[in-house]
């Protein structure tokens, strides 16, 4: 179960990192 929790946590971290990067790219890109 511990390994599963680590996998889920890693997936959440990666998802958040990608989402933040996309938001930053959208914010930087001129309309």
Protein backbone atom coordinates (compact mmCIF):
# COMPACT_ATOMS: atom_id res chain seq x y z
CA UNK A 1 0.00 0.00 0.00
CA UNK A 2 2.92 2.32 0.75
CA UNK A 3 4.24 1.95 -2.80
CA UNK A 4 0.78 2.74 -4.15
CA UNK A 5 0.61 5.90 -2.05
CA UNK A 6 4.03 6.94 -3.35
CA UNK A 7 2.88 6.37 -6.93
CA UNK A 8 -0.27 8.43 -6.36
CA UNK A 9 1.70 11.21 -4.65
CA UNK A 10 4.22 11.26 -7.52
CA UNK A 11 1.40 11.45 -10.05
CA UNK A 12 -0.21 14.34 -8.19
CA UNK A 13 3.09 16.23 -8.01
CA UNK A 14 3.73 15.73 -11.72
CA UNK A 15 0.16 16.74 -12.57
CA UNK A 16 0.42 19.92 -10.49
CA UNK A 17 3.82 20.78 -12.01
CA UNK A 18 2.47 20.38 -15.55
CA UNK A 19 -0.68 22.36 -14.73
CA UNK A 20 1.33 25.21 -13.21
CA UNK A 21 3.69 25.24 -16.22
CA UNK A 22 0.72 25.41 -18.61
CA UNK A 23 -0.83 28.26 -16.59
CA UNK A 24 2.50 30.12 -16.61
CA UNK A 25 2.88 29.62 -20.37
CA UNK A 26 -0.67 30.87 -20.95
CA UNK A 27 -0.04 33.89 -18.71
CA UNK A 28 3.26 34.75 -20.46
CA UNK A 29 1.92 34.26 -23.99
CA UNK A 30 0.55 37.58 -25.33
CA UNK A 31 -3.19 37.37 -25.94
